[in-house]
N, C-alpha and C. Protein backbone atom coordinates (compact mmCIF):
# COMPACT_ATOMS: atom_id res chain seq x y z
N UNK A 1 153.19 -16.92 29.76
CA UNK A 1 153.25 -16.23 31.02
C UNK A 1 151.82 -15.94 31.49
N UNK A 2 151.56 -16.16 32.76
CA UNK A 2 150.23 -15.91 33.32
C UNK A 2 149.90 -14.43 33.34
N UNK A 3 148.64 -14.11 33.23
CA UNK A 3 148.16 -12.72 33.35
C UNK A 3 147.32 -12.61 34.62
N UNK A 4 147.41 -11.50 35.28
CA UNK A 4 146.72 -11.29 36.55
C UNK A 4 145.75 -10.11 36.49
N UNK A 5 145.09 -9.92 35.36
CA UNK A 5 144.15 -8.80 35.21
C UNK A 5 143.05 -8.84 36.27
N UNK A 6 142.54 -10.03 36.58
CA UNK A 6 141.48 -10.15 37.59
C UNK A 6 141.95 -9.64 38.95
N UNK A 7 143.11 -10.09 39.38
CA UNK A 7 143.66 -9.72 40.68
C UNK A 7 143.96 -8.23 40.74
N UNK A 8 144.56 -7.69 39.68
CA UNK A 8 144.92 -6.28 39.66
C UNK A 8 143.66 -5.42 39.67
N UNK A 9 142.67 -5.76 38.86
CA UNK A 9 141.41 -5.00 38.83
C UNK A 9 140.72 -5.05 40.18
N UNK A 10 140.69 -6.22 40.81
CA UNK A 10 140.06 -6.35 42.12
C UNK A 10 140.80 -5.51 43.17
N UNK A 11 142.13 -5.51 43.10
CA UNK A 11 142.92 -4.72 44.05
C UNK A 11 142.67 -3.23 43.88
N UNK A 12 142.57 -2.78 42.63
CA UNK A 12 142.28 -1.36 42.37
C UNK A 12 140.89 -1.01 42.89
N UNK A 13 139.91 -1.85 42.61
CA UNK A 13 138.54 -1.58 43.07
C UNK A 13 138.48 -1.51 44.59
N UNK A 14 139.12 -2.47 45.25
CA UNK A 14 139.14 -2.50 46.72
C UNK A 14 139.79 -1.23 47.27
N UNK A 15 140.90 -0.82 46.67
CA UNK A 15 141.59 0.38 47.14
C UNK A 15 140.73 1.62 46.93
N UNK A 16 140.03 1.71 45.81
CA UNK A 16 139.17 2.86 45.55
C UNK A 16 138.03 2.94 46.57
N UNK A 17 137.50 1.79 46.94
CA UNK A 17 136.39 1.77 47.90
C UNK A 17 136.86 2.08 49.32
N UNK A 18 137.99 1.50 49.72
CA UNK A 18 138.43 1.59 51.11
C UNK A 18 139.23 2.85 51.45
N UNK A 19 139.95 3.41 50.50
CA UNK A 19 140.86 4.50 50.82
C UNK A 19 140.51 5.76 50.04
N UNK A 20 139.76 6.64 50.65
CA UNK A 20 139.41 7.93 50.04
C UNK A 20 139.31 8.99 51.12
N UNK A 21 140.44 9.40 51.69
CA UNK A 21 140.40 10.36 52.80
C UNK A 21 139.85 11.72 52.41
N UNK A 22 139.88 12.08 51.13
CA UNK A 22 139.38 13.38 50.69
C UNK A 22 137.90 13.36 50.34
N UNK A 23 137.31 12.19 50.21
CA UNK A 23 135.89 12.07 49.90
C UNK A 23 135.53 12.39 48.46
N UNK A 24 136.49 12.34 47.56
CA UNK A 24 136.25 12.67 46.16
C UNK A 24 135.63 11.51 45.39
N UNK A 25 135.99 10.28 45.76
CA UNK A 25 135.51 9.11 45.03
C UNK A 25 134.10 8.76 45.46
N UNK A 26 133.22 8.64 44.48
CA UNK A 26 131.84 8.25 44.74
C UNK A 26 131.67 6.76 44.51
N UNK A 27 130.54 6.36 43.95
CA UNK A 27 130.29 4.94 43.72
C UNK A 27 131.32 4.31 42.78
N UNK A 28 131.72 3.09 43.12
CA UNK A 28 132.65 2.31 42.30
C UNK A 28 131.88 1.10 41.80
N UNK A 29 131.78 0.96 40.48
CA UNK A 29 131.04 -0.14 39.89
C UNK A 29 131.77 -1.46 39.96
N UNK A 30 131.08 -2.49 39.57
CA UNK A 30 131.66 -3.84 39.55
C UNK A 30 132.68 -3.95 38.42
N UNK A 31 133.61 -4.90 38.57
CA UNK A 31 134.58 -5.19 37.52
C UNK A 31 133.86 -5.98 36.43
N UNK A 32 133.97 -5.50 35.20
CA UNK A 32 133.31 -6.17 34.08
C UNK A 32 134.34 -6.78 33.15
N UNK A 33 134.03 -7.98 32.65
CA UNK A 33 134.91 -8.68 31.71
C UNK A 33 134.67 -8.20 30.29
N UNK A 34 135.64 -8.44 29.44
CA UNK A 34 135.55 -8.09 28.02
C UNK A 34 134.86 -9.23 27.27
N UNK A 35 133.55 -9.15 27.19
CA UNK A 35 132.76 -10.19 26.54
C UNK A 35 132.21 -9.68 25.20
N UNK A 36 132.00 -10.60 24.28
CA UNK A 36 131.41 -10.25 22.99
C UNK A 36 130.03 -9.64 23.25
N UNK A 37 129.70 -8.53 22.59
CA UNK A 37 128.46 -7.82 22.91
C UNK A 37 127.16 -8.59 22.65
N UNK A 38 127.15 -9.50 21.69
CA UNK A 38 125.91 -10.23 21.41
C UNK A 38 125.99 -11.71 21.75
N UNK A 39 127.15 -12.31 21.56
CA UNK A 39 127.30 -13.74 21.81
C UNK A 39 127.73 -14.05 23.25
N UNK A 40 128.35 -13.08 23.91
CA UNK A 40 128.72 -13.24 25.31
C UNK A 40 129.96 -14.04 25.59
N UNK A 41 130.74 -14.41 24.58
CA UNK A 41 131.95 -15.19 24.85
C UNK A 41 133.11 -14.26 25.22
N UNK A 42 134.08 -14.85 25.92
CA UNK A 42 135.26 -14.16 26.43
C UNK A 42 136.12 -13.69 25.25
N UNK A 43 136.43 -12.37 25.20
CA UNK A 43 137.24 -11.84 24.11
C UNK A 43 138.70 -11.58 24.51
N UNK A 44 138.91 -11.11 25.73
CA UNK A 44 140.27 -10.84 26.20
C UNK A 44 140.27 -10.81 27.72
N UNK A 45 141.46 -10.65 28.29
CA UNK A 45 141.57 -10.59 29.75
C UNK A 45 141.30 -9.18 30.29
N UNK A 46 140.97 -8.25 29.42
CA UNK A 46 140.73 -6.86 29.84
C UNK A 46 139.58 -6.78 30.84
N UNK A 47 139.76 -5.94 31.85
CA UNK A 47 138.75 -5.71 32.88
C UNK A 47 138.48 -4.21 32.96
N UNK A 48 137.22 -3.83 33.14
CA UNK A 48 136.84 -2.42 33.20
C UNK A 48 135.86 -2.20 34.35
N UNK A 49 135.96 -1.03 34.98
CA UNK A 49 134.98 -0.64 35.99
C UNK A 49 134.68 0.84 35.81
N UNK A 50 133.49 1.25 36.19
CA UNK A 50 133.10 2.65 36.14
C UNK A 50 133.17 3.21 37.55
N UNK A 51 133.82 4.36 37.68
CA UNK A 51 133.98 5.04 38.97
C UNK A 51 133.40 6.44 38.82
N UNK A 52 132.65 6.86 39.82
CA UNK A 52 132.08 8.21 39.83
C UNK A 52 132.78 9.05 40.88
N UNK A 53 132.87 10.35 40.60
CA UNK A 53 133.40 11.24 41.63
C UNK A 53 132.24 11.81 42.45
N UNK A 54 132.56 12.66 43.41
CA UNK A 54 131.53 13.19 44.32
C UNK A 54 130.50 14.06 43.61
N UNK A 55 130.82 14.51 42.39
CA UNK A 55 129.88 15.33 41.61
C UNK A 55 129.08 14.51 40.61
N UNK A 56 129.28 13.19 40.60
CA UNK A 56 128.54 12.32 39.70
C UNK A 56 129.19 12.10 38.35
N UNK A 57 130.36 12.69 38.10
CA UNK A 57 131.07 12.49 36.84
C UNK A 57 131.61 11.07 36.79
N UNK A 58 131.42 10.41 35.64
CA UNK A 58 131.82 9.00 35.48
C UNK A 58 133.20 8.89 34.83
N UNK A 59 133.96 7.90 35.28
CA UNK A 59 135.29 7.59 34.75
C UNK A 59 135.36 6.09 34.48
N UNK A 60 136.08 5.73 33.46
CA UNK A 60 136.30 4.32 33.15
C UNK A 60 137.73 3.96 33.56
N UNK A 61 137.86 2.91 34.38
CA UNK A 61 139.17 2.42 34.79
C UNK A 61 139.35 1.05 34.14
N UNK A 62 140.42 0.90 33.38
CA UNK A 62 140.64 -0.33 32.62
C UNK A 62 141.98 -0.96 32.97
N UNK A 63 141.97 -2.28 33.13
CA UNK A 63 143.19 -3.05 33.31
C UNK A 63 143.30 -3.95 32.08
N UNK A 64 144.38 -3.77 31.35
CA UNK A 64 144.55 -4.50 30.10
C UNK A 64 146.00 -4.92 29.95
N UNK A 65 146.21 -6.15 29.52
CA UNK A 65 147.58 -6.64 29.30
C UNK A 65 148.29 -5.80 28.25
N UNK A 66 149.59 -5.63 28.46
CA UNK A 66 150.45 -4.94 27.50
C UNK A 66 151.65 -5.85 27.21
N UNK A 67 151.44 -6.94 26.47
CA UNK A 67 152.48 -7.95 26.29
C UNK A 67 153.77 -7.43 25.67
N UNK A 68 153.69 -6.40 24.86
CA UNK A 68 154.90 -5.86 24.24
C UNK A 68 155.79 -5.16 25.26
N UNK A 69 155.27 -4.92 26.45
CA UNK A 69 156.05 -4.27 27.51
C UNK A 69 156.48 -5.26 28.60
N UNK A 70 156.24 -6.55 28.39
CA UNK A 70 156.62 -7.56 29.39
C UNK A 70 158.11 -7.51 29.67
N UNK A 71 158.45 -7.80 30.93
CA UNK A 71 159.84 -7.88 31.35
C UNK A 71 160.19 -9.35 31.47
N UNK A 72 161.27 -9.73 30.87
CA UNK A 72 161.73 -11.13 30.96
C UNK A 72 162.79 -11.21 32.04
N UNK A 73 162.54 -12.03 33.04
CA UNK A 73 163.48 -12.19 34.14
C UNK A 73 164.28 -13.46 33.96
N UNK A 74 165.61 -13.33 34.02
CA UNK A 74 166.44 -14.52 34.01
C UNK A 74 166.64 -15.02 35.43
N UNK A 75 166.69 -14.09 36.37
CA UNK A 75 166.84 -14.44 37.78
C UNK A 75 165.64 -13.86 38.53
N UNK A 76 164.78 -14.75 39.04
CA UNK A 76 163.55 -14.32 39.71
C UNK A 76 163.84 -13.40 40.88
N UNK A 77 164.98 -13.53 41.53
CA UNK A 77 165.32 -12.70 42.69
C UNK A 77 165.66 -11.26 42.31
N UNK A 78 165.79 -10.96 41.03
CA UNK A 78 166.16 -9.62 40.60
C UNK A 78 164.98 -8.87 39.99
N UNK A 79 163.79 -9.05 40.53
CA UNK A 79 162.59 -8.39 39.99
C UNK A 79 162.53 -6.94 40.45
N UNK A 80 163.30 -6.10 39.81
CA UNK A 80 163.31 -4.69 40.08
C UNK A 80 162.88 -3.99 38.79
N UNK A 81 161.91 -3.10 38.88
CA UNK A 81 161.38 -2.41 37.71
C UNK A 81 161.56 -0.92 37.88
N UNK A 82 162.08 -0.26 36.85
CA UNK A 82 162.15 1.20 36.88
C UNK A 82 160.74 1.73 36.83
N UNK A 83 160.42 2.66 37.70
CA UNK A 83 159.07 3.22 37.75
C UNK A 83 159.14 4.68 37.36
N UNK A 84 158.55 5.03 36.21
CA UNK A 84 158.59 6.40 35.73
C UNK A 84 157.77 7.35 36.59
N UNK A 85 156.95 6.81 37.51
CA UNK A 85 156.08 7.64 38.32
C UNK A 85 156.61 7.88 39.73
N UNK A 86 157.89 7.60 39.97
CA UNK A 86 158.47 7.79 41.31
C UNK A 86 158.45 9.23 41.71
């Protein structure tokens, strides 16, 4: 199954930059790949960005695959997911 960590991380970054009506979000860093610290090769599809608030406090935002939570669809037209955050 394909993973879309790049697209999801980019969408989150774009939303953080464009939509902040309260002015709490400060600088949003670039999306960084999970590369080996010394050799530089690709380790996983995980993406991370650093976001600062208006007071300069830094936060790490990470997009990482969770394969054990994948949903298997038998019928593509029935892609409905229960959302615990409704």
